């Protein structure tokens, strides 16, 4: 199970001649994903750049396909 958790905070302020308004948005969120058995838990990597979260998953070595050479007799 892979769980991602974060917190969002945003504040806007607007001033006028006769008013002053401040809005605050905040909240915690989390998402959970079931991972297949073929994913290696040690090979999970994440990076966060320009507001984008990238999660990279790697397969276990024993589940990666093997190339088998088949000789054909003529």
PDB file of N, CA and C in Angstrom:
ATOM      1  N   UNK A   1       0.856  -1.172   0.000  1.00  0.00           N
ATOM      2  CA  UNK A   1       0.000   0.000   0.000  1.00  0.00           C
ATOM      3  C   UNK A   1       0.904   1.236   0.000  1.00  0.00           C
ATOM      4  N   UNK A   2       0.653   2.137  -0.921  1.00  0.00           N
ATOM      5  CA  UNK A   2       1.389   3.403  -1.006  1.00  0.00           C
ATOM      6  C   UNK A   2       0.433   4.512  -0.591  1.00  0.00           C
ATOM      7  N   UNK A   3       0.807   5.308   0.422  1.00  0.00           N
ATOM      8  CA  UNK A   3      -0.030   6.396   0.906  1.00  0.00           C
ATOM      9  C   UNK A   3       0.688   7.719   0.701  1.00  0.00           C
ATOM     10  N   UNK A   4       0.019   8.657   0.044  1.00  0.00           N
ATOM     11  CA  UNK A   4       0.530  10.006  -0.156  1.00  0.00           C
ATOM     12  C   UNK A   4      -0.293  10.948   0.709  1.00  0.00           C
ATOM     13  N   UNK A   5       0.404  11.823   1.450  1.00  0.00           N
ATOM     14  CA  UNK A   5      -0.278  12.736   2.352  1.00  0.00           C
ATOM     15  C   UNK A   5       0.290  14.128   2.166  1.00  0.00           C
ATOM     16  N   UNK A   6      -0.563  15.132   2.204  1.00  0.00           N
ATOM     17  CA  UNK A   6      -0.109  16.508   2.040  1.00  0.00           C
ATOM     18  C   UNK A   6      -1.033  17.476   2.736  1.00  0.00           C
ATOM     19  N   UNK A   7      -0.635  18.735   2.708  1.00  0.00           N
ATOM     20  CA  UNK A   7      -1.435  19.787   3.315  1.00  0.00           C
ATOM     21  C   UNK A   7      -1.478  20.970   2.359  1.00  0.00           C
ATOM     22  N   UNK A   8      -2.644  21.527   2.186  1.00  0.00           N
ATOM     23  CA  UNK A   8      -2.829  22.656   1.281  1.00  0.00           C
ATOM     24  C   UNK A   8      -3.121  23.900   2.111  1.00  0.00           C
ATOM     25  N   UNK A   9      -2.373  24.971   1.813  1.00  0.00           N
ATOM     26  CA  UNK A   9      -2.602  26.246   2.488  1.00  0.00           C
ATOM     27  C   UNK A   9      -2.620  27.347   1.443  1.00  0.00           C
ATOM     28  N   UNK A  10      -3.625  28.200   1.529  1.00  0.00           N
ATOM     29  CA  UNK A  10      -3.727  29.311   0.602  1.00  0.00           C
ATOM     30  C   UNK A  10      -4.400  30.474   1.332  1.00  0.00           C
ATOM     31  N   UNK A  11      -3.879  31.664   1.139  1.00  0.00           N
ATOM     32  CA  UNK A  11      -4.457  32.844   1.761  1.00  0.00           C
ATOM     33  C   UNK A  11      -4.524  33.963   0.733  1.00  0.00           C
ATOM     34  N   UNK A  12      -5.677  34.591   0.625  1.00  0.00           N
ATOM     35  CA  UNK A  12      -5.828  35.743  -0.269  1.00  0.00           C
ATOM     36  C   UNK A  12      -6.297  36.934   0.553  1.00  0.00           C
ATOM     37  N   UNK A  13      -5.800  38.095   0.196  1.00  0.00           N
ATOM     38  CA  UNK A  13      -6.158  39.313   0.916  1.00  0.00           C
ATOM     39  C   UNK A  13      -6.534  40.386  -0.099  1.00  0.00           C
ATOM     40  N   UNK A  14      -7.623  41.063   0.172  1.00  0.00           N
ATOM     41  CA  UNK A  14      -8.097  42.111  -0.721  1.00  0.00           C
ATOM     42  C   UNK A  14      -8.483  43.327   0.125  1.00  0.00           C
ATOM     43  N   UNK A  15      -7.947  44.469  -0.244  1.00  0.00           N
ATOM     44  CA  UNK A  15      -8.235  45.700   0.493  1.00  0.00           C
ATOM     45  C   UNK A  15      -8.888  46.708  -0.446  1.00  0.00           C
ATOM     46  N   UNK A  16      -9.871  47.385   0.056  1.00  0.00           N
ATOM     47  CA  UNK A  16     -10.539  48.451  -0.677  1.00  0.00           C
ATOM     48  C   UNK A  16     -10.662  49.675   0.218  1.00  0.00           C
ATOM     49  N   UNK A  17     -11.336  50.676  -0.275  1.00  0.00           N
ATOM     50  CA  UNK A  17     -11.495  51.898   0.518  1.00  0.00           C
ATOM     51  C   UNK A  17     -12.355  51.658   1.753  1.00  0.00           C
ATOM     52  N   UNK A  18     -13.356  50.799   1.593  1.00  0.00           N
ATOM     53  CA  UNK A  18     -14.295  50.606   2.706  1.00  0.00           C
ATOM     54  C   UNK A  18     -14.304  49.181   3.265  1.00  0.00           C
ATOM     55  N   UNK A  19     -13.390  48.331   2.801  1.00  0.00           N
ATOM     56  CA  UNK A  19     -13.406  46.951   3.311  1.00  0.00           C
ATOM     57  C   UNK A  19     -12.001  46.353   3.282  1.00  0.00           C
ATOM     58  N   UNK A  20     -11.857  45.289   4.041  1.00  0.00           N
ATOM     59  CA  UNK A  20     -10.626  44.498   4.095  1.00  0.00           C
ATOM     60  C   UNK A  20     -11.066  43.040   4.238  1.00  0.00           C
ATOM     61  N   UNK A  21     -10.764  42.214   3.230  1.00  0.00           N
ATOM     62  CA  UNK A  21     -11.220  40.826   3.225  1.00  0.00           C
ATOM     63  C   UNK A  21     -10.019  39.885   3.167  1.00  0.00           C
ATOM     64  N   UNK A  22     -10.030  38.876   4.016  1.00  0.00           N
ATOM     65  CA  UNK A  22      -8.988  37.853   4.025  1.00  0.00           C
ATOM     66  C   UNK A  22      -9.682  36.494   3.967  1.00  0.00           C
ATOM     67  N   UNK A  23      -9.276  35.661   2.998  1.00  0.00           N
ATOM     68  CA  UNK A  23      -9.809  34.304   2.886  1.00  0.00           C
ATOM     69  C   UNK A  23      -8.674  33.316   3.096  1.00  0.00           C
ATOM     70  N   UNK A  24      -8.927  32.311   3.901  1.00  0.00           N
ATOM     71  CA  UNK A  24      -7.919  31.284   4.161  1.00  0.00           C
ATOM     72  C   UNK A  24      -8.512  29.915   3.817  1.00  0.00           C
ATOM     73  N   UNK A  25      -7.812  29.200   2.983  1.00  0.00           N
ATOM     74  CA  UNK A  25      -8.192  27.834   2.626  1.00  0.00           C
ATOM     75  C   UNK A  25      -7.091  26.913   3.118  1.00  0.00           C
ATOM     76  N   UNK A  26      -7.444  25.865   3.805  1.00  0.00           N
ATOM     77  CA  UNK A  26      -6.442  24.917   4.262  1.00  0.00           C
ATOM     78  C   UNK A  26      -7.093  23.552   4.424  1.00  0.00           C
ATOM     79  N   UNK A  27      -6.262  22.548   4.439  1.00  0.00           N
ATOM     80  CA  UNK A  27      -6.777  21.206   4.663  1.00  0.00           C
ATOM     81  C   UNK A  27      -5.714  20.152   4.413  1.00  0.00           C
ATOM     82  N   UNK A  28      -5.872  19.051   5.103  1.00  0.00           N
ATOM     83  CA  UNK A  28      -4.973  17.909   4.959  1.00  0.00           C
ATOM     84  C   UNK A  28      -5.674  16.886   4.060  1.00  0.00           C
ATOM     85  N   UNK A  29      -4.917  16.247   3.202  1.00  0.00           N
ATOM     86  CA  UNK A  29      -5.488  15.211   2.347  1.00  0.00           C
ATOM     87  C   UNK A  29      -4.537  14.032   2.308  1.00  0.00           C
ATOM     88  N   UNK A  30      -5.074  12.861   1.984  1.00  0.00           N
ATOM     89  CA  UNK A  30      -4.236  11.684   1.768  1.00  0.00           C
ATOM     90  C   UNK A  30      -4.919  10.763   0.765  1.00  0.00           C
ATOM     91  N   UNK A  31      -4.100  10.057   0.032  1.00  0.00           N
ATOM     92  CA  UNK A  31      -4.567   9.094  -0.960  1.00  0.00           C
ATOM     93  C   UNK A  31      -3.770   7.810  -0.769  1.00  0.00           C
ATOM     94  N   UNK A  32      -4.444   6.683  -0.852  1.00  0.00           N
ATOM     95  CA  UNK A  32      -3.781   5.387  -0.712  1.00  0.00           C
ATOM     96  C   UNK A  32      -3.999   4.569  -1.975  1.00  0.00           C
ATOM     97  N   UNK A  33      -2.946   3.887  -2.404  1.00  0.00           N
ATOM     98  CA  UNK A  33      -2.983   3.071  -3.614  1.00  0.00           C
ATOM     99  C   UNK A  33      -2.470   1.673  -3.284  1.00  0.00           C
ATOM    100  N   UNK A  34      -3.188   0.671  -3.751  1.00  0.00           N
ATOM    101  CA  UNK A  34      -2.707  -0.710  -3.629  1.00  0.00           C
ATOM    102  C   UNK A  34      -1.712  -0.954  -4.751  1.00  0.00           C
ATOM    103  N   UNK A  35      -0.556  -1.459  -4.399  1.00  0.00           N
ATOM    104  CA  UNK A  35       0.473  -1.733  -5.391  1.00  0.00           C
ATOM    105  C   UNK A  35       0.490  -3.223  -5.717  1.00  0.00           C
ATOM    106  N   UNK A  36       0.756  -3.580  -6.962  1.00  0.00           N
ATOM    107  CA  UNK A  36       0.845  -5.000  -7.311  1.00  0.00           C
ATOM    108  C   UNK A  36       2.071  -5.649  -6.666  1.00  0.00           C
ATOM    109  N   UNK A  37       2.063  -6.955  -6.574  1.00  0.00           N
ATOM    110  CA  UNK A  37       3.176  -7.685  -5.962  1.00  0.00           C
ATOM    111  C   UNK A  37       4.459  -7.536  -6.762  1.00  0.00           C
ATOM    112  N   UNK A  38       4.368  -7.160  -8.016  1.00  0.00           N
ATOM    113  CA  UNK A  38       5.558  -7.039  -8.858  1.00  0.00           C
ATOM    114  C   UNK A  38       6.375  -5.777  -8.574  1.00  0.00           C
ATOM    115  N   UNK A  39       5.864  -4.864  -7.742  1.00  0.00           N
ATOM    116  CA  UNK A  39       6.583  -3.626  -7.421  1.00  0.00           C
ATOM    117  C   UNK A  39       7.541  -3.869  -6.264  1.00  0.00           C
ATOM    118  N   UNK A  40       8.765  -3.375  -6.417  1.00  0.00           N
ATOM    119  CA  UNK A  40       9.771  -3.486  -5.372  1.00  0.00           C
ATOM    120  C   UNK A  40       9.640  -2.299  -4.415  1.00  0.00           C
ATOM    121  N   UNK A  41       9.330  -2.525  -3.135  1.00  0.00           N
ATOM    122  CA  UNK A  41       9.172  -1.413  -2.190  1.00  0.00           C
ATOM    123  C   UNK A  41      10.461  -0.596  -2.013  1.00  0.00           C
ATOM    124  N   UNK A  42      11.617  -1.242  -2.171  1.00  0.00           N
ATOM    125  CA  UNK A  42      12.890  -0.539  -2.017  1.00  0.00           C
ATOM    126  C   UNK A  42      13.172   0.382  -3.201  1.00  0.00           C
ATOM    127  N   UNK A  43      12.498   0.179  -4.319  1.00  0.00           N
ATOM    128  CA  UNK A  43      12.765   0.953  -5.518  1.00  0.00           C
ATOM    129  C   UNK A  43      11.808   2.109  -5.747  1.00  0.00           C
ATOM    130  N   UNK A  44      10.993   2.456  -4.753  1.00  0.00           N
ATOM    131  CA  UNK A  44      10.046   3.562  -4.907  1.00  0.00           C
ATOM    132  C   UNK A  44      10.781   4.873  -4.650  1.00  0.00           C
ATOM    133  N   UNK A  45      10.664   5.798  -5.603  1.00  0.00           N
ATOM    134  CA  UNK A  45      11.298   7.111  -5.471  1.00  0.00           C
ATOM    135  C   UNK A  45      10.273   8.187  -5.795  1.00  0.00           C
ATOM    136  N   UNK A  46      10.415   9.348  -5.168  1.00  0.00           N
ATOM    137  CA  UNK A  46       9.501  10.457  -5.426  1.00  0.00           C
ATOM    138  C   UNK A  46      10.296  11.748  -5.542  1.00  0.00           C
ATOM    139  N   UNK A  47       9.796  12.651  -6.396  1.00  0.00           N
ATOM    140  CA  UNK A  47      10.406  13.976  -6.518  1.00  0.00           C
ATOM    141  C   UNK A  47       9.290  14.998  -6.671  1.00  0.00           C
ATOM    142  N   UNK A  48       9.542  16.202  -6.183  1.00  0.00           N
ATOM    143  CA  UNK A  48       8.558  17.276  -6.225  1.00  0.00           C
ATOM    144  C   UNK A  48       9.223  18.488  -6.852  1.00  0.00           C
ATOM    145  N   UNK A  49       8.700  18.928  -8.005  1.00  0.00           N
ATOM    146  CA  UNK A  49       9.295  20.057  -8.718  1.00  0.00           C
ATOM    147  C   UNK A  49       8.194  20.851  -9.398  1.00  0.00           C
ATOM    148  N   UNK A  50       8.203  22.147  -9.209  1.00  0.00           N
ATOM    149  CA  UNK A  50       7.237  23.058  -9.836  1.00  0.00           C
ATOM    150  C   UNK A  50       5.787  22.647  -9.562  1.00  0.00           C
ATOM    151  N   UNK A  51       5.516  22.203  -8.333  1.00  0.00           N
ATOM    152  CA  UNK A  51       4.160  21.831  -7.962  1.00  0.00           C
ATOM    153  C   UNK A  51       3.708  20.476  -8.456  1.00  0.00           C
ATOM    154  N   UNK A  52       4.617  19.691  -9.040  1.00  0.00           N
ATOM    155  CA  UNK A  52       4.253  18.375  -9.589  1.00  0.00           C
ATOM    156  C   UNK A  52       4.990  17.279  -8.816  1.00  0.00           C
ATOM    157  N   UNK A  53       4.238  16.335  -8.274  1.00  0.00           N
ATOM    158  CA  UNK A  53       4.817  15.192  -7.580  1.00  0.00           C
ATOM    159  C   UNK A  53       4.934  14.042  -8.569  1.00  0.00           C
ATOM    160  N   UNK A  54       6.141  13.510  -8.707  1.00  0.00           N
ATOM    161  CA  UNK A  54       6.385  12.363  -9.585  1.00  0.00           C
ATOM    162  C   UNK A  54       6.833  11.189  -8.731  1.00  0.00           C
ATOM    163  N   UNK A  55       6.111  10.073  -8.834  1.00  0.00           N
ATOM    164  CA  UNK A  55       6.443   8.855  -8.092  1.00  0.00           C
ATOM    165  C   UNK A  55       6.878   7.809  -9.101  1.00  0.00           C
ATOM    166  N   UNK A  56       8.072   7.237  -8.894  1.00  0.00           N
ATOM    167  CA  UNK A  56       8.616   6.223  -9.789  1.00  0.00           C
ATOM    168  C   UNK A  56       8.636   4.884  -9.063  1.00  0.00           C
ATOM    169  N   UNK A  57       8.070   3.866  -9.701  1.00  0.00           N
ATOM    170  CA  UNK A  57       8.030   2.516  -9.139  1.00  0.00           C
ATOM    171  C   UNK A  57       8.873   1.597 -10.009  1.00  0.00           C
ATOM    172  N   UNK A  58       9.614   0.689  -9.382  1.00  0.00           N
ATOM    173  CA  UNK A  58      10.413  -0.272 -10.132  1.00  0.00           C
ATOM    174  C   UNK A  58       9.883  -1.685  -9.859  1.00  0.00           C
ATOM    175  N   UNK A  59      10.048  -2.543 -10.864  1.00  0.00           N
ATOM    176  CA  UNK A  59       9.627  -3.935 -10.720  1.00  0.00           C
ATOM    177  C   UNK A  59      10.700  -4.735  -9.989  1.00  0.00           C
ATOM    178  N   UNK A  60      10.266  -5.801  -9.355  1.00  0.00           N
ATOM    179  CA  UNK A  60      11.216  -6.739  -8.753  1.00  0.00           C
ATOM    180  C   UNK A  60      11.971  -7.432  -9.868  1.00  0.00           C
ATOM    181  N   UNK A  61      13.199  -7.800  -9.607  1.00  0.00           N
ATOM    182  CA  UNK A  61      14.028  -8.422 -10.640  1.00  0.00           C
ATOM    183  C   UNK A  61      13.438  -9.730 -11.156  1.00  0.00           C
ATOM    184  N   UNK A  62      12.862 -10.525 -10.276  1.00  0.00           N
ATOM    185  CA  UNK A  62      12.355 -11.824 -10.725  1.00  0.00           C
ATOM    186  C   UNK A  62      11.100 -11.689 -11.582  1.00  0.00           C
ATOM    187  N   UNK A  63      10.426 -10.545 -11.587  1.00  0.00           N
ATOM    188  CA  UNK A  63       9.226 -10.394 -12.403  1.00  0.00           C
ATOM    189  C   UNK A  63       9.511  -9.717 -13.741  1.00  0.00           C
ATOM    190  N   UNK A  64      10.740  -9.260 -13.963  1.00  0.00           N
ATOM    191  CA  UNK A  64      11.063  -8.672 -15.255  1.00  0.00           C
ATOM    192  C   UNK A  64      11.222  -9.781 -16.281  1.00  0.00           C
ATOM    193  N   UNK A  65      10.722  -9.578 -17.491  1.00  0.00           N
ATOM    194  CA  UNK A  65      10.788 -10.633 -18.513  1.00  0.00           C
ATOM    195  C   UNK A  65      12.232 -10.928 -18.921  1.00  0.00           C
ATOM    196  N   UNK A  66      12.485 -12.207 -19.236  1.00  0.00           N
ATOM    197  CA  UNK A  66      13.814 -12.624 -19.674  1.00  0.00           C
ATOM    198  C   UNK A  66      13.787 -12.875 -21.178  1.00  0.00           C
ATOM    199  N   UNK A  67      14.872 -12.504 -21.837  1.00  0.00           N
ATOM    200  CA  UNK A  67      14.993 -12.778 -23.268  1.00  0.00           C
ATOM    201  C   UNK A  67      15.552 -14.188 -23.440  1.00  0.00           C
ATOM    202  N   UNK A  68      14.882 -14.987 -24.231  1.00  0.00           N
ATOM    203  CA  UNK A  68      15.304 -16.364 -24.482  1.00  0.00           C
ATOM    204  C   UNK A  68      15.539 -16.505 -25.973  1.00  0.00           C
ATOM    205  N   UNK A  69      16.721 -17.004 -26.317  1.00  0.00           N
ATOM    206  CA  UNK A  69      17.040 -17.210 -27.740  1.00  0.00           C
ATOM    207  C   UNK A  69      16.582 -18.605 -28.132  1.00  0.00           C
ATOM    208  N   UNK A  70      15.854 -18.673 -29.225  1.00  0.00           N
ATOM    209  CA  UNK A  70      15.351 -19.943 -29.738  1.00  0.00           C
ATOM    210  C   UNK A  70      16.000 -20.194 -31.078  1.00  0.00           C
ATOM    211  N   UNK A  71      16.732 -21.315 -31.170  1.00  0.00           N
ATOM    212  CA  UNK A  71      17.402 -21.660 -32.417  1.00  0.00           C
ATOM    213  C   UNK A  71      16.456 -22.487 -33.280  1.00  0.00           C
ATOM    214  N   UNK A  72      16.469 -22.185 -34.569  1.00  0.00           N
ATOM    215  CA  UNK A  72      15.615 -22.891 -35.512  1.00  0.00           C
ATOM    216  C   UNK A  72      16.494 -23.737 -36.431  1.00  0.00           C
ATOM    217  N   UNK A  73      16.213 -25.031 -36.491  1.00  0.00           N
ATOM    218  CA  UNK A  73      16.949 -25.926 -37.400  1.00  0.00           C
ATOM    219  C   UNK A  73      16.267 -25.910 -38.766  1.00  0.00           C
ATOM    220  N   UNK A  74      17.084 -25.832 -39.815  1.00  0.00           N
ATOM    221  CA  UNK A  74      16.546 -25.856 -41.203  1.00  0.00           C
ATOM    222  C   UNK A  74      16.709 -27.230 -41.789  1.00  0.00           C
TER     223      UNK A  74
END
